[in-house]
Amino acid sequence: VRMEFALVLAEATGRRLGSIRQLRWEDFDLERKTIHWRADADKKGKDWVIPMPDSLVEEVRKFRRALAAVGGWVFPAVKNSDHPADRYYFQKWLLRAEKKAKLPPLEGGLWHPYRRKWATERKHLPTVDVAAAGGWKDTSTLMTCYQAATNEAMLSVMSEPRKVRDVAVAR
């Protein structure tokens, strides 16, 4: 159940595994519909409070019930629940889940492909908003390392019907 929740969070938020694994239940404000991403769990040391869509609020409620969670780490360490689970457990869980589902591993890492997918799916949205929601301090890393060209987007570019009629632009 925790592995499924980690994947739901990766898919819904685009956040790094390091930030996801260090979430506490109190970081989810279900009344205000926000997630608090703590600076001490952020690669760049930035504190973020990001709005959640209703669908994610419901997912969080569902997993909270399934895990009978009241507080503390969302993903506690197996041997010591006073600490978050180690990243190696997440790697092991993901590899086991892929094998059980008979899915080939994603290219480019274990967890980062989910982050790249999330960023690419949002290319049509304002870059500054995608960067803030996904936890990038600057847009250049987002655009050069995470957002990929897709056939669908390239076809849209090639099919653009608007033409520039200003002669000065064509020089």
Protein backbone atom coordinates (compact mmCIF):
# COMPACT_ATOMS: atom_id res chain seq x y z
CA VAL A 1 0.00 0.00 0.00
CA ARG A 2 2.85 2.41 0.83
CA MET A 3 4.53 1.65 -2.50
CA GLU A 4 1.30 2.40 -4.33
CA PHE A 5 0.95 5.67 -2.42
CA ALA A 6 4.55 6.64 -3.26
CA LEU A 7 3.79 6.06 -6.95
CA VAL A 8 0.55 8.06 -6.70
CA LEU A 9 2.49 10.96 -5.16
CA ALA A 10 5.23 10.76 -7.80
CA GLU A 11 2.64 10.75 -10.58
CA ALA A 12 0.54 13.54 -9.06
CA THR A 13 3.25 15.90 -7.83
CA GLY A 14 6.37 15.37 -9.94
CA ARG A 15 8.46 15.62 -6.79
CA ARG A 16 11.81 13.97 -6.15
CA LEU A 17 11.86 10.71 -4.23
CA GLY A 18 13.87 12.43 -1.48
CA SER A 19 11.00 14.84 -0.86
CA ILE A 20 8.28 12.19 -1.12
CA ARG A 21 9.93 9.75 1.28
CA GLN A 22 10.33 12.47 3.91
CA LEU A 23 6.70 13.58 3.96
CA ARG A 24 4.85 13.63 7.28
CA TRP A 25 1.10 13.22 7.53
CA GLU A 26 0.83 16.75 8.91
CA ASP A 27 2.35 18.05 5.64
CA PHE A 28 -1.01 17.31 4.02
CA ASP A 29 -3.53 20.02 4.90
CA LEU A 30 -6.72 18.43 3.61
CA GLU A 31 -8.88 21.39 4.61
CA ARG A 32 -6.78 23.95 2.74
CA LYS A 33 -5.91 21.36 0.08
CA THR A 34 -2.15 21.94 0.22
CA ILE A 35 1.04 19.92 0.57
CA HIS A 36 3.92 21.32 2.57
CA TRP A 37 7.26 20.27 1.08
CA ARG A 38 9.80 20.97 3.82
CA ALA A 39 13.10 22.70 3.13
CA ASP A 40 15.03 20.05 5.04
CA ALA A 41 13.72 17.41 2.59
CA ASP A 42 14.23 19.54 -0.54
CA LYS A 43 17.37 19.11 -2.66
CA LYS A 44 17.68 22.90 -2.99
CA GLY A 45 16.67 23.59 0.62
CA LYS A 46 13.51 25.48 -0.32
CA ASP A 47 10.25 25.36 1.60
CA TRP A 48 7.14 24.99 -0.58
CA VAL A 49 3.39 24.98 0.07
CA ILE A 50 1.64 23.75 -3.07
CA PRO A 51 -2.12 23.46 -3.75
CA MET A 52 -3.56 19.98 -4.29
CA PRO A 53 -6.34 19.17 -6.75
CA ASP A 54 -9.45 17.53 -5.29
CA SER A 55 -8.49 14.19 -6.84
CA LEU A 56 -5.20 14.11 -4.90
CA VAL A 57 -6.92 15.18 -1.68
CA GLU A 58 -9.21 12.15 -2.06
CA GLU A 59 -6.25 9.85 -2.77
CA VAL A 60 -4.48 11.08 0.37
CA ARG A 61 -7.64 10.46 2.43
CA LYS A 62 -7.96 6.96 0.94
CA PHE A 63 -4.37 6.00 1.74
CA ARG A 64 -4.52 7.57 5.18
CA ARG A 65 -7.53 5.33 5.97
CA ALA A 66 -5.90 2.25 4.43
CA LEU A 67 -2.75 2.79 6.49
CA ALA A 68 -4.69 3.78 9.64
CA ALA A 69 -2.32 6.74 9.91
CA VAL A 70 -2.76 9.53 12.44
CA GLY A 71 0.61 11.29 12.27
CA GLY A 72 4.34 10.92 11.84
CA TRP A 73 6.18 9.83 8.74
CA VAL A 74 4.08 8.83 5.77
CA PHE A 75 6.82 6.35 4.88
CA PRO A 76 8.44 5.32 8.18
CA ALA A 77 11.65 3.30 8.28
CA VAL A 78 11.05 -0.42 8.59
CA LYS A 79 13.17 -0.84 11.73
CA ASN A 80 12.67 2.55 13.35
CA SER A 81 9.44 4.46 12.75
CA ASP A 82 11.04 7.63 14.19
CA HIS A 83 12.85 8.04 10.85
CA PRO A 84 11.71 8.09 7.22
CA ALA A 85 12.28 5.02 5.08
CA ASP A 86 15.64 4.88 3.39
CA ARG A 87 15.75 5.54 -0.35
CA TYR A 88 17.09 2.03 -0.92
CA TYR A 89 13.81 0.58 0.36
CA PHE A 90 11.96 2.61 -2.27
CA GLN A 91 14.29 1.30 -4.95
CA LYS A 92 13.77 -2.27 -3.77
CA TRP A 93 9.98 -1.80 -3.57
CA LEU A 94 9.80 -0.31 -7.07
CA LEU A 95 11.93 -3.06 -8.62
CA ARG A 96 9.79 -5.70 -6.89
CA ALA A 97 6.57 -3.99 -8.08
CA GLU A 98 7.82 -3.80 -11.69
CA LYS A 99 8.80 -7.47 -11.61
CA LYS A 100 5.48 -8.54 -10.08
CA ALA A 101 3.57 -6.50 -12.68
CA LYS A 102 5.84 -7.91 -15.43
CA LEU A 103 6.72 -4.39 -16.54
CA PRO A 104 10.09 -3.49 -18.03
CA PRO A 105 12.08 -0.95 -16.02
CA LEU A 106 11.69 2.63 -17.20
CA GLU A 107 14.67 4.16 -18.98
CA GLY A 108 16.79 6.74 -17.22
CA GLY A 109 16.58 5.62 -13.60
CA LEU A 110 14.10 4.23 -11.13
CA TRP A 111 12.17 7.25 -9.86
CA HIS A 112 13.34 10.11 -12.08
CA PRO A 113 11.41 8.87 -15.14
CA TYR A 114 8.21 9.68 -13.24
CA ARG A 115 9.48 13.21 -12.63
CA ARG A 116 10.39 13.65 -16.30
CA LYS A 117 7.00 12.29 -17.37
CA TRP A 118 5.21 14.70 -15.04
CA ALA A 119 7.19 17.68 -16.38
CA THR A 120 6.71 16.70 -20.03
CA GLU A 121 2.96 16.27 -19.59
CA ARG A 122 2.79 19.89 -18.43
CA LYS A 123 4.79 21.59 -21.22
CA HIS A 124 1.66 23.37 -22.40
CA LEU A 125 1.34 25.17 -19.04
CA PRO A 126 3.30 28.27 -17.93
CA THR A 127 6.88 27.13 -17.26
CA VAL A 128 7.23 29.14 -14.07
CA ASP A 129 4.14 27.44 -12.60
CA VAL A 130 5.28 23.95 -13.62
CA ALA A 131 8.67 24.63 -12.03
CA ALA A 132 7.15 25.85 -8.77
CA ALA A 133 4.62 23.02 -8.52
CA GLY A 134 7.26 20.37 -9.24
CA GLY A 135 9.95 21.80 -7.01
CA TRP A 136 12.41 23.34 -9.47
CA LYS A 137 13.96 26.61 -8.29
CA ASP A 138 14.85 27.60 -11.84
CA THR A 139 13.12 26.95 -15.12
CA SER A 140 16.29 26.19 -17.12
CA THR A 141 16.82 22.79 -15.46
CA LEU A 142 13.16 21.95 -15.95
CA MET A 143 13.28 22.79 -19.65
CA THR A 144 16.68 21.28 -20.51
CA CYS A 145 16.70 18.13 -18.37
CA TYR A 146 13.10 17.19 -17.66
CA GLN A 147 10.76 18.30 -20.42
CA ALA A 148 11.13 16.15 -23.52
CA ALA A 149 9.87 16.61 -27.05
CA THR A 150 6.93 14.38 -27.90
CA ASN A 151 5.52 13.39 -31.29
CA GLU A 152 2.15 14.84 -30.31
CA ALA A 153 3.65 18.23 -29.42
CA MET A 154 5.89 18.31 -32.50
CA LEU A 155 2.90 17.54 -34.73
CA SER A 156 1.02 20.39 -33.07
CA VAL A 157 3.95 22.73 -33.79
CA MET A 158 4.15 21.56 -37.42
CA SER A 159 0.39 21.96 -37.84
CA GLU A 160 0.25 25.55 -36.56
CA PRO A 161 -2.00 27.44 -39.00
CA ARG A 162 -1.05 31.00 -38.01
CA LYS A 163 1.25 32.87 -40.39
CA VAL A 164 3.24 36.02 -39.67
CA ARG A 165 2.41 38.73 -42.19
CA ASP A 166 4.89 41.31 -40.90
CA VAL A 167 7.77 41.67 -43.38
CA ALA A 168 10.14 42.89 -40.66
CA VAL A 169 9.96 39.54 -38.84
CA ALA A 170 11.03 37.61 -41.94
CA ARG A 171 14.38 39.43 -42.32
